[in-house]
Amino acid sequence: MIVPLANATFYMQKIGFTESLEKVLKEDPRYDREAYLFLRDALDYTIKLRKRQKSDISRHVTGQELLEGVRRYAIEQFGPMVPTVFEAWNIHESLDVGRMVFNLIRVGIFGKTENDSMDDFRDGFDFHEAFVKPYLPTRRVLVRPAVRPGAKSHRKRAIGNA
C-alpha cells in the first residue's frame, strides 16, 4: 500500500514531498503539516522494523502494518504525550491516519495496490487503549501497619486532646 517515492534523489524527493504536501494541506486542511511529516517518518520506522524482523521488505506496507508502526513510533517519540500531540494535529482515531494516507496517495507521495482501501484503517486500534491506558497509574491499596495494643502511637495529638 504505502511506498515512499522511488528512483529520485533525496533532494528531488524533498522538493516533491513539500510541493505535494502543500497541495494536500490546501485541499484538506483537517490535519496539521507536522502530522503528515510524522506519518512519513512512521512509514520509514515501519519499514525499518520489517528489516530488523527480517520480514519481506519487497512487498508493500499494509494499512494494518502502518497503523502498528504509527502506534509504536508515536509511543517511542511522545510517550504519554501522544494524546495531546495527536489532538493538536486533529488525529482522533485510526481512520484519521487512513484519511491522511489516502490524501498522500492522491497526490502521488504514497502508492497503493488495488487491494488497499480506507477499510484497512477502520477500527485499527482504540486510541485510549493504545496511548492512555498504558500510562494510567495502577491503583495500590495502602496498608497501614497494625498497632499493637499498648504500643505508643507516633501520631501527633491535636492540642487539647489528652
N, C-alpha and C. Protein backbone atom coordinates (compact mmCIF):
# COMPACT_ATOMS: atom_id res chain seq x y z
N MET A 1 0.82 -1.19 0.00
CA MET A 1 0.00 0.00 0.00
C MET A 1 0.86 1.25 0.00
N ILE A 2 1.58 1.43 1.00
CA ILE A 2 2.24 2.70 1.19
C ILE A 2 3.70 2.54 0.84
N VAL A 3 4.12 3.29 -0.13
CA VAL A 3 5.53 3.26 -0.52
C VAL A 3 6.00 4.69 -0.72
N PRO A 4 7.21 5.00 -0.24
CA PRO A 4 7.73 6.35 -0.49
C PRO A 4 8.11 6.50 -1.95
N LEU A 5 8.32 7.73 -2.36
CA LEU A 5 8.75 7.98 -3.73
C LEU A 5 10.02 7.20 -4.03
N ALA A 6 10.12 6.67 -5.21
CA ALA A 6 11.29 5.88 -5.57
C ALA A 6 11.99 6.49 -6.78
N ASN A 7 13.23 6.05 -7.01
CA ASN A 7 14.00 6.45 -8.18
C ASN A 7 14.20 7.96 -8.30
N ALA A 8 14.48 8.61 -7.18
CA ALA A 8 14.75 10.04 -7.21
C ALA A 8 15.79 10.33 -6.13
N THR A 9 16.53 11.39 -6.32
CA THR A 9 17.50 11.75 -5.29
C THR A 9 16.75 12.31 -4.09
N PHE A 10 17.42 12.31 -2.94
CA PHE A 10 16.80 12.83 -1.73
C PHE A 10 16.33 14.27 -1.94
N TYR A 11 17.14 15.08 -2.59
CA TYR A 11 16.79 16.48 -2.82
C TYR A 11 15.50 16.59 -3.62
N MET A 12 15.40 15.80 -4.67
CA MET A 12 14.20 15.85 -5.51
C MET A 12 12.99 15.35 -4.73
N GLN A 13 13.17 14.31 -3.89
CA GLN A 13 12.07 13.80 -3.08
C GLN A 13 11.59 14.87 -2.12
N LYS A 14 12.53 15.57 -1.51
CA LYS A 14 12.17 16.58 -0.53
C LYS A 14 11.35 17.69 -1.18
N ILE A 15 11.77 18.15 -2.35
CA ILE A 15 11.01 19.19 -3.06
C ILE A 15 9.65 18.64 -3.47
N GLY A 16 9.62 17.44 -4.04
CA GLY A 16 8.36 16.84 -4.46
C GLY A 16 7.43 16.64 -3.29
N PHE A 17 7.96 16.19 -2.17
CA PHE A 17 7.14 15.99 -0.98
C PHE A 17 6.57 17.31 -0.49
N THR A 18 7.42 18.32 -0.40
CA THR A 18 6.99 19.63 0.10
C THR A 18 5.89 20.22 -0.78
N GLU A 19 6.11 20.21 -2.09
CA GLU A 19 5.10 20.76 -3.01
C GLU A 19 3.80 19.97 -2.95
N SER A 20 3.91 18.65 -2.92
CA SER A 20 2.71 17.82 -2.86
C SER A 20 1.98 17.99 -1.53
N LEU A 21 2.74 18.12 -0.46
CA LEU A 21 2.12 18.33 0.85
C LEU A 21 1.37 19.65 0.90
N GLU A 22 1.93 20.68 0.27
CA GLU A 22 1.23 21.97 0.20
C GLU A 22 -0.13 21.81 -0.47
N LYS A 23 -0.16 21.02 -1.52
CA LYS A 23 -1.41 20.76 -2.24
C LYS A 23 -2.41 20.04 -1.32
N VAL A 24 -1.94 19.04 -0.59
CA VAL A 24 -2.82 18.32 0.34
C VAL A 24 -3.37 19.26 1.39
N LEU A 25 -2.51 20.08 1.98
CA LEU A 25 -2.93 20.99 3.04
C LEU A 25 -3.94 22.02 2.55
N LYS A 26 -3.80 22.42 1.29
CA LYS A 26 -4.73 23.37 0.72
C LYS A 26 -6.09 22.71 0.46
N GLU A 27 -6.07 21.48 -0.05
CA GLU A 27 -7.31 20.78 -0.40
C GLU A 27 -8.02 20.18 0.82
N ASP A 28 -7.26 19.78 1.82
CA ASP A 28 -7.84 19.17 3.01
C ASP A 28 -7.07 19.63 4.25
N PRO A 29 -7.49 20.75 4.82
CA PRO A 29 -6.74 21.34 5.94
C PRO A 29 -7.05 20.73 7.31
N ARG A 30 -7.72 19.58 7.35
CA ARG A 30 -8.07 18.99 8.65
C ARG A 30 -6.87 18.64 9.51
N TYR A 31 -5.79 18.21 8.89
CA TYR A 31 -4.65 17.70 9.64
C TYR A 31 -3.45 18.63 9.52
N ASP A 32 -2.71 18.74 10.59
CA ASP A 32 -1.55 19.61 10.66
C ASP A 32 -0.41 19.10 9.78
N ARG A 33 0.38 20.02 9.29
CA ARG A 33 1.57 19.67 8.49
C ARG A 33 2.45 18.69 9.26
N GLU A 34 2.65 18.94 10.54
CA GLU A 34 3.50 18.07 11.35
C GLU A 34 2.96 16.65 11.40
N ALA A 35 1.65 16.50 11.31
CA ALA A 35 1.04 15.16 11.31
C ALA A 35 1.47 14.38 10.07
N TYR A 36 1.52 15.05 8.94
CA TYR A 36 1.96 14.39 7.70
C TYR A 36 3.46 14.05 7.76
N LEU A 37 4.24 14.94 8.34
CA LEU A 37 5.67 14.66 8.48
C LEU A 37 5.87 13.46 9.42
N PHE A 38 5.09 13.44 10.48
CA PHE A 38 5.14 12.29 11.40
C PHE A 38 4.74 11.01 10.67
N LEU A 39 3.70 11.06 9.85
CA LEU A 39 3.24 9.88 9.12
C LEU A 39 4.33 9.36 8.18
N ARG A 40 5.00 10.27 7.51
CA ARG A 40 6.10 9.85 6.62
C ARG A 40 7.20 9.17 7.44
N ASP A 41 7.54 9.75 8.59
CA ASP A 41 8.55 9.15 9.46
C ASP A 41 8.08 7.80 10.02
N ALA A 42 6.78 7.70 10.33
CA ALA A 42 6.23 6.44 10.84
C ALA A 42 6.30 5.35 9.78
N LEU A 43 6.12 5.71 8.51
CA LEU A 43 6.28 4.74 7.43
C LEU A 43 7.72 4.26 7.37
N ASP A 44 8.68 5.19 7.44
CA ASP A 44 10.10 4.80 7.46
C ASP A 44 10.41 3.89 8.65
N TYR A 45 9.86 4.23 9.79
CA TYR A 45 10.03 3.42 11.01
C TYR A 45 9.48 2.01 10.79
N THR A 46 8.30 1.92 10.18
CA THR A 46 7.66 0.62 9.92
C THR A 46 8.51 -0.22 8.98
N ILE A 47 9.05 0.40 7.95
CA ILE A 47 9.91 -0.32 7.00
C ILE A 47 11.17 -0.82 7.71
N LYS A 48 11.76 0.01 8.57
CA LYS A 48 12.95 -0.40 9.32
C LYS A 48 12.63 -1.55 10.28
N LEU A 49 11.46 -1.51 10.89
CA LEU A 49 11.04 -2.61 11.77
C LEU A 49 10.99 -3.92 10.98
N ARG A 50 10.44 -3.85 9.79
CA ARG A 50 10.35 -5.05 8.96
C ARG A 50 11.74 -5.58 8.61
N LYS A 51 12.68 -4.67 8.36
CA LYS A 51 14.05 -5.10 8.06
C LYS A 51 14.66 -5.81 9.26
N ARG A 52 14.46 -5.23 10.47
CA ARG A 52 15.00 -5.82 11.69
C ARG A 52 14.38 -7.18 11.97
N GLN A 53 13.10 -7.32 11.62
CA GLN A 53 12.40 -8.59 11.85
C GLN A 53 12.63 -9.57 10.70
N LYS A 54 13.42 -9.13 9.75
CA LYS A 54 13.74 -9.92 8.56
C LYS A 54 12.47 -10.35 7.80
N SER A 55 11.49 -9.44 7.78
CA SER A 55 10.27 -9.67 7.01
C SER A 55 10.54 -9.37 5.55
N ASP A 56 9.63 -9.75 4.71
CA ASP A 56 9.74 -9.48 3.28
C ASP A 56 9.57 -7.99 3.04
N ILE A 57 10.68 -7.29 2.86
CA ILE A 57 10.61 -5.84 2.70
C ILE A 57 10.31 -5.43 1.27
N SER A 58 10.25 -6.39 0.36
CA SER A 58 9.97 -6.04 -1.03
C SER A 58 8.48 -5.78 -1.26
N ARG A 59 7.62 -6.34 -0.42
CA ARG A 59 6.20 -6.11 -0.61
C ARG A 59 5.79 -4.81 0.07
N HIS A 60 4.62 -4.32 -0.30
CA HIS A 60 4.17 -3.04 0.24
C HIS A 60 3.75 -3.17 1.69
N VAL A 61 3.68 -2.04 2.38
CA VAL A 61 3.24 -1.99 3.77
C VAL A 61 1.71 -1.92 3.76
N THR A 62 1.08 -2.80 4.49
CA THR A 62 -0.39 -2.78 4.55
C THR A 62 -0.86 -1.69 5.50
N GLY A 63 -2.12 -1.38 5.42
CA GLY A 63 -2.70 -0.39 6.33
C GLY A 63 -2.54 -0.80 7.79
N GLN A 64 -2.79 -2.08 8.09
CA GLN A 64 -2.65 -2.57 9.46
C GLN A 64 -1.20 -2.49 9.94
N GLU A 65 -0.26 -2.81 9.06
CA GLU A 65 1.16 -2.71 9.42
C GLU A 65 1.54 -1.26 9.69
N LEU A 66 1.04 -0.36 8.85
CA LEU A 66 1.35 1.05 9.07
C LEU A 66 0.74 1.54 10.38
N LEU A 67 -0.49 1.15 10.67
CA LEU A 67 -1.11 1.56 11.93
C LEU A 67 -0.29 1.08 13.13
N GLU A 68 0.21 -0.14 13.06
CA GLU A 68 1.04 -0.65 14.15
C GLU A 68 2.34 0.15 14.23
N GLY A 69 2.91 0.51 13.09
CA GLY A 69 4.11 1.35 13.07
C GLY A 69 3.83 2.73 13.63
N VAL A 70 2.69 3.30 13.28
CA VAL A 70 2.29 4.62 13.81
C VAL A 70 2.16 4.53 15.33
N ARG A 71 1.50 3.49 15.82
CA ARG A 71 1.30 3.32 17.26
C ARG A 71 2.65 3.23 17.98
N ARG A 72 3.52 2.36 17.49
CA ARG A 72 4.82 2.15 18.15
C ARG A 72 5.71 3.39 18.05
N TYR A 73 5.72 4.02 16.87
CA TYR A 73 6.57 5.20 16.68
C TYR A 73 6.06 6.37 17.53
N ALA A 74 4.75 6.52 17.62
CA ALA A 74 4.18 7.61 18.44
C ALA A 74 4.57 7.44 19.91
N ILE A 75 4.47 6.22 20.41
CA ILE A 75 4.84 5.96 21.81
C ILE A 75 6.32 6.21 22.01
N GLU A 76 7.12 5.78 21.06
CA GLU A 76 8.57 5.99 21.16
C GLU A 76 8.92 7.48 21.15
N GLN A 77 8.24 8.25 20.30
CA GLN A 77 8.56 9.67 20.16
C GLN A 77 7.95 10.54 21.25
N PHE A 78 6.71 10.24 21.65
CA PHE A 78 5.97 11.17 22.52
C PHE A 78 5.55 10.59 23.87
N GLY A 79 5.68 9.28 24.05
CA GLY A 79 5.31 8.66 25.33
C GLY A 79 3.89 9.03 25.73
N PRO A 80 3.70 9.42 26.99
CA PRO A 80 2.35 9.72 27.47
C PRO A 80 1.74 10.99 26.85
N MET A 81 2.53 11.71 26.07
CA MET A 81 2.01 12.93 25.43
C MET A 81 1.34 12.66 24.08
N VAL A 82 1.30 11.39 23.63
CA VAL A 82 0.70 11.07 22.33
C VAL A 82 -0.71 11.65 22.20
N PRO A 83 -1.60 11.45 23.18
CA PRO A 83 -2.96 12.01 23.00
C PRO A 83 -2.96 13.53 22.82
N THR A 84 -2.09 14.21 23.53
CA THR A 84 -2.02 15.68 23.42
C THR A 84 -1.52 16.09 22.04
N VAL A 85 -0.48 15.42 21.58
CA VAL A 85 0.09 15.74 20.27
C VAL A 85 -0.93 15.43 19.17
N PHE A 86 -1.52 14.25 19.22
CA PHE A 86 -2.49 13.86 18.20
C PHE A 86 -3.71 14.78 18.21
N GLU A 87 -4.14 15.21 19.38
CA GLU A 87 -5.27 16.14 19.47
C GLU A 87 -4.91 17.45 18.77
N ALA A 88 -3.70 17.94 18.98
CA ALA A 88 -3.26 19.18 18.33
C ALA A 88 -3.22 19.02 16.81
N TRP A 89 -2.97 17.80 16.34
CA TRP A 89 -2.92 17.53 14.91
C TRP A 89 -4.26 17.11 14.35
N ASN A 90 -5.28 17.02 15.19
CA ASN A 90 -6.63 16.62 14.80
C ASN A 90 -6.72 15.14 14.40
N ILE A 91 -5.92 14.33 15.04
CA ILE A 91 -5.96 12.87 14.82
C ILE A 91 -6.63 12.26 16.03
N HIS A 92 -7.81 11.65 15.81
CA HIS A 92 -8.61 11.13 16.92
C HIS A 92 -8.84 9.62 16.86
N GLU A 93 -8.59 9.03 15.69
CA GLU A 93 -8.83 7.60 15.52
C GLU A 93 -7.98 7.09 14.36
N SER A 94 -7.90 5.78 14.24
CA SER A 94 -7.06 5.21 13.18
C SER A 94 -7.58 5.58 11.79
N LEU A 95 -8.86 5.84 11.67
CA LEU A 95 -9.42 6.27 10.38
C LEU A 95 -8.82 7.60 9.93
N ASP A 96 -8.46 8.46 10.88
CA ASP A 96 -7.79 9.72 10.52
C ASP A 96 -6.43 9.44 9.86
N VAL A 97 -5.73 8.43 10.36
CA VAL A 97 -4.46 8.05 9.74
C VAL A 97 -4.72 7.60 8.31
N GLY A 98 -5.77 6.81 8.11
CA GLY A 98 -6.13 6.36 6.77
C GLY A 98 -6.46 7.52 5.84
N ARG A 99 -7.19 8.50 6.34
CA ARG A 99 -7.52 9.68 5.52
C ARG A 99 -6.26 10.41 5.09
N MET A 100 -5.32 10.53 6.02
CA MET A 100 -4.06 11.19 5.68
C MET A 100 -3.29 10.38 4.64
N VAL A 101 -3.25 9.05 4.82
CA VAL A 101 -2.56 8.18 3.86
C VAL A 101 -3.17 8.36 2.48
N PHE A 102 -4.49 8.33 2.39
CA PHE A 102 -5.11 8.45 1.07
C PHE A 102 -4.99 9.85 0.49
N ASN A 103 -4.84 10.86 1.33
CA ASN A 103 -4.50 12.20 0.82
C ASN A 103 -3.12 12.17 0.16
N LEU A 104 -2.18 11.48 0.80
CA LEU A 104 -0.83 11.39 0.24
C LEU A 104 -0.78 10.50 -0.99
N ILE A 105 -1.62 9.49 -1.04
CA ILE A 105 -1.72 8.66 -2.24
C ILE A 105 -2.27 9.49 -3.39
N ARG A 106 -3.28 10.29 -3.11
CA ARG A 106 -3.95 11.09 -4.15
C ARG A 106 -2.98 12.03 -4.85
N VAL A 107 -1.99 12.57 -4.12
CA VAL A 107 -1.04 13.50 -4.74
C VAL A 107 0.26 12.81 -5.16
N GLY A 108 0.31 11.49 -5.01
CA GLY A 108 1.45 10.74 -5.52
C GLY A 108 2.63 10.59 -4.57
N ILE A 109 2.48 10.97 -3.32
CA ILE A 109 3.58 10.80 -2.37
C ILE A 109 3.68 9.34 -1.94
N PHE A 110 2.55 8.73 -1.62
CA PHE A 110 2.49 7.30 -1.30
C PHE A 110 1.83 6.59 -2.46
N GLY A 111 2.08 5.30 -2.56
CA GLY A 111 1.44 4.49 -3.58
C GLY A 111 0.53 3.46 -2.94
N LYS A 112 -0.27 2.78 -3.74
CA LYS A 112 -1.16 1.75 -3.21
C LYS A 112 -1.37 0.65 -4.24
N THR A 113 -1.89 -0.46 -3.75
CA THR A 113 -2.26 -1.55 -4.65
C THR A 113 -3.77 -1.52 -4.82
N GLU A 114 -4.28 -2.35 -5.72
CA GLU A 114 -5.72 -2.39 -5.97
C GLU A 114 -6.49 -2.96 -4.78
N ASN A 115 -5.81 -3.65 -3.89
CA ASN A 115 -6.48 -4.24 -2.72
C ASN A 115 -6.58 -3.29 -1.54
N ASP A 116 -5.93 -2.15 -1.61
CA ASP A 116 -5.90 -1.22 -0.49
C ASP A 116 -7.13 -0.32 -0.49
N SER A 117 -7.65 -0.07 0.72
CA SER A 117 -8.80 0.83 0.84
C SER A 117 -8.82 1.47 2.22
N MET A 118 -9.73 2.40 2.40
CA MET A 118 -9.89 3.05 3.69
C MET A 118 -10.31 2.04 4.76
N ASP A 119 -10.96 0.97 4.34
CA ASP A 119 -11.37 -0.06 5.32
C ASP A 119 -10.19 -0.66 6.06
N ASP A 120 -9.00 -0.60 5.47
CA ASP A 120 -7.81 -1.11 6.13
C ASP A 120 -7.52 -0.34 7.42
N PHE A 121 -8.05 0.86 7.54
CA PHE A 121 -7.77 1.71 8.69
C PHE A 121 -8.96 1.81 9.66
N ARG A 122 -10.08 1.25 9.26
CA ARG A 122 -11.27 1.30 10.10
C ARG A 122 -11.08 0.38 11.30
N ASP A 123 -11.32 0.88 12.47
CA ASP A 123 -11.20 0.10 13.71
C ASP A 123 -9.81 -0.52 13.87
N GLY A 124 -8.80 0.20 13.49
CA GLY A 124 -7.43 -0.31 13.59
C GLY A 124 -7.02 -0.60 15.02
N PHE A 125 -7.17 0.37 15.88
CA PHE A 125 -6.94 0.16 17.30
C PHE A 125 -7.61 1.31 18.06
N ASP A 126 -7.89 1.06 19.31
CA ASP A 126 -8.52 2.05 20.18
C ASP A 126 -7.44 2.98 20.73
N PHE A 127 -7.59 4.27 20.48
CA PHE A 127 -6.56 5.22 20.90
C PHE A 127 -6.40 5.25 22.42
N HIS A 128 -7.50 5.14 23.16
CA HIS A 128 -7.41 5.15 24.62
C HIS A 128 -6.59 3.95 25.11
N GLU A 129 -6.89 2.78 24.56
CA GLU A 129 -6.16 1.56 24.95
C GLU A 129 -4.68 1.66 24.58
N ALA A 130 -4.39 2.25 23.42
CA ALA A 130 -3.02 2.30 22.92
C ALA A 130 -2.17 3.39 23.57
N PHE A 131 -2.78 4.55 23.81
CA PHE A 131 -1.97 5.71 24.19
C PHE A 131 -2.24 6.26 25.59
N VAL A 132 -3.36 5.91 26.20
CA VAL A 132 -3.67 6.44 27.52
C VAL A 132 -3.51 5.36 28.60
N LYS A 133 -4.16 4.24 28.39
CA LYS A 133 -4.20 3.19 29.40
C LYS A 133 -2.81 2.74 29.88
N PRO A 134 -1.83 2.59 29.00
CA PRO A 134 -0.51 2.15 29.49
C PRO A 134 0.14 3.11 30.48
N TYR A 135 -0.30 4.36 30.49
CA TYR A 135 0.31 5.36 31.36
C TYR A 135 -0.53 5.70 32.58
N LEU A 136 -1.69 5.08 32.72
CA LEU A 136 -2.51 5.33 33.89
C LEU A 136 -1.85 4.69 35.11
N PRO A 137 -1.93 5.38 36.24
CA PRO A 137 -1.33 4.78 37.44
C PRO A 137 -2.11 3.53 37.84
N THR A 138 -1.38 2.58 38.37
CA THR A 138 -2.06 1.40 38.89
C THR A 138 -2.54 1.73 40.29
N ARG A 139 -3.67 1.21 40.62
CA ARG A 139 -4.24 1.52 41.94
C ARG A 139 -3.58 0.61 42.96
N ARG A 140 -2.99 1.22 43.95
CA ARG A 140 -2.35 0.48 45.03
C ARG A 140 -3.11 0.76 46.32
N VAL A 141 -3.34 -0.26 47.05
CA VAL A 141 -4.01 -0.11 48.34
C VAL A 141 -2.93 0.06 49.39
N LEU A 142 -3.02 1.16 50.11
CA LEU A 142 -2.05 1.41 51.18
C LEU A 142 -2.50 0.67 52.42
N VAL A 143 -1.63 -0.11 52.95
CA VAL A 143 -1.94 -0.87 54.16
C VAL A 143 -1.17 -0.23 55.30
N ARG A 144 -1.92 0.19 56.32
CA ARG A 144 -1.26 0.76 57.48
C ARG A 144 -0.79 -0.37 58.38
N PRO A 145 0.37 -0.20 58.95
CA PRO A 145 0.86 -1.25 59.85
C PRO A 145 -0.06 -1.36 61.07
N ALA A 146 -0.25 -2.57 61.50
CA ALA A 146 -1.10 -2.79 62.67
C ALA A 146 -0.42 -2.24 63.91
N VAL A 147 -1.20 -1.63 64.77
CA VAL A 147 -0.68 -1.09 66.03
C VAL A 147 -1.01 -2.11 67.12
N ARG A 148 0.02 -2.51 67.82
CA ARG A 148 -0.17 -3.48 68.90
C ARG A 148 -0.84 -2.80 70.08
N PRO A 149 -1.69 -3.49 70.76
CA PRO A 149 -2.30 -2.90 71.96
C PRO A 149 -1.22 -2.49 72.95
N GLY A 150 -1.35 -1.29 73.47
CA GLY A 150 -0.41 -0.78 74.45
C GLY A 150 0.80 -0.11 73.84
N ALA A 151 0.98 -0.22 72.50
CA ALA A 151 2.13 0.44 71.86
C ALA A 151 1.83 1.91 71.69
N LYS A 152 2.88 2.71 71.77
CA LYS A 152 2.70 4.15 71.62
C LYS A 152 2.47 4.47 70.15
N SER A 153 1.53 5.35 69.90
CA SER A 153 1.25 5.80 68.54
C SER A 153 2.22 6.91 68.20
N HIS A 154 2.67 6.95 66.99
CA HIS A 154 3.58 8.00 66.54
C HIS A 154 2.83 9.20 65.99
N ARG A 155 1.50 9.11 66.01
CA ARG A 155 0.72 10.25 65.52
C ARG A 155 0.73 11.37 66.55
N LYS A 156 0.80 12.56 66.07
CA LYS A 156 0.74 13.71 66.97
C LYS A 156 -0.71 13.93 67.34
N ARG A 157 -0.91 14.25 68.58
CA ARG A 157 -2.27 14.50 69.04
C ARG A 157 -2.57 15.98 68.87
N ALA A 158 -3.80 16.26 68.57
CA ALA A 158 -4.21 17.66 68.41
C ALA A 158 -4.15 18.33 69.77
N ILE A 159 -3.86 19.62 69.80
CA ILE A 159 -3.78 20.38 71.04
C ILE A 159 -5.15 20.32 71.70
N GLY A 160 -5.13 20.07 72.97
CA GLY A 160 -6.37 19.99 73.72
C GLY A 160 -6.84 18.56 73.91
N ASN A 161 -6.30 17.63 73.17
CA ASN A 161 -6.66 16.21 73.38
C ASN A 161 -5.59 15.59 74.27
N ALA A 162 -5.99 14.89 75.25
CA ALA A 162 -5.02 14.30 76.19
C ALA A 162 -4.66 12.90 75.79
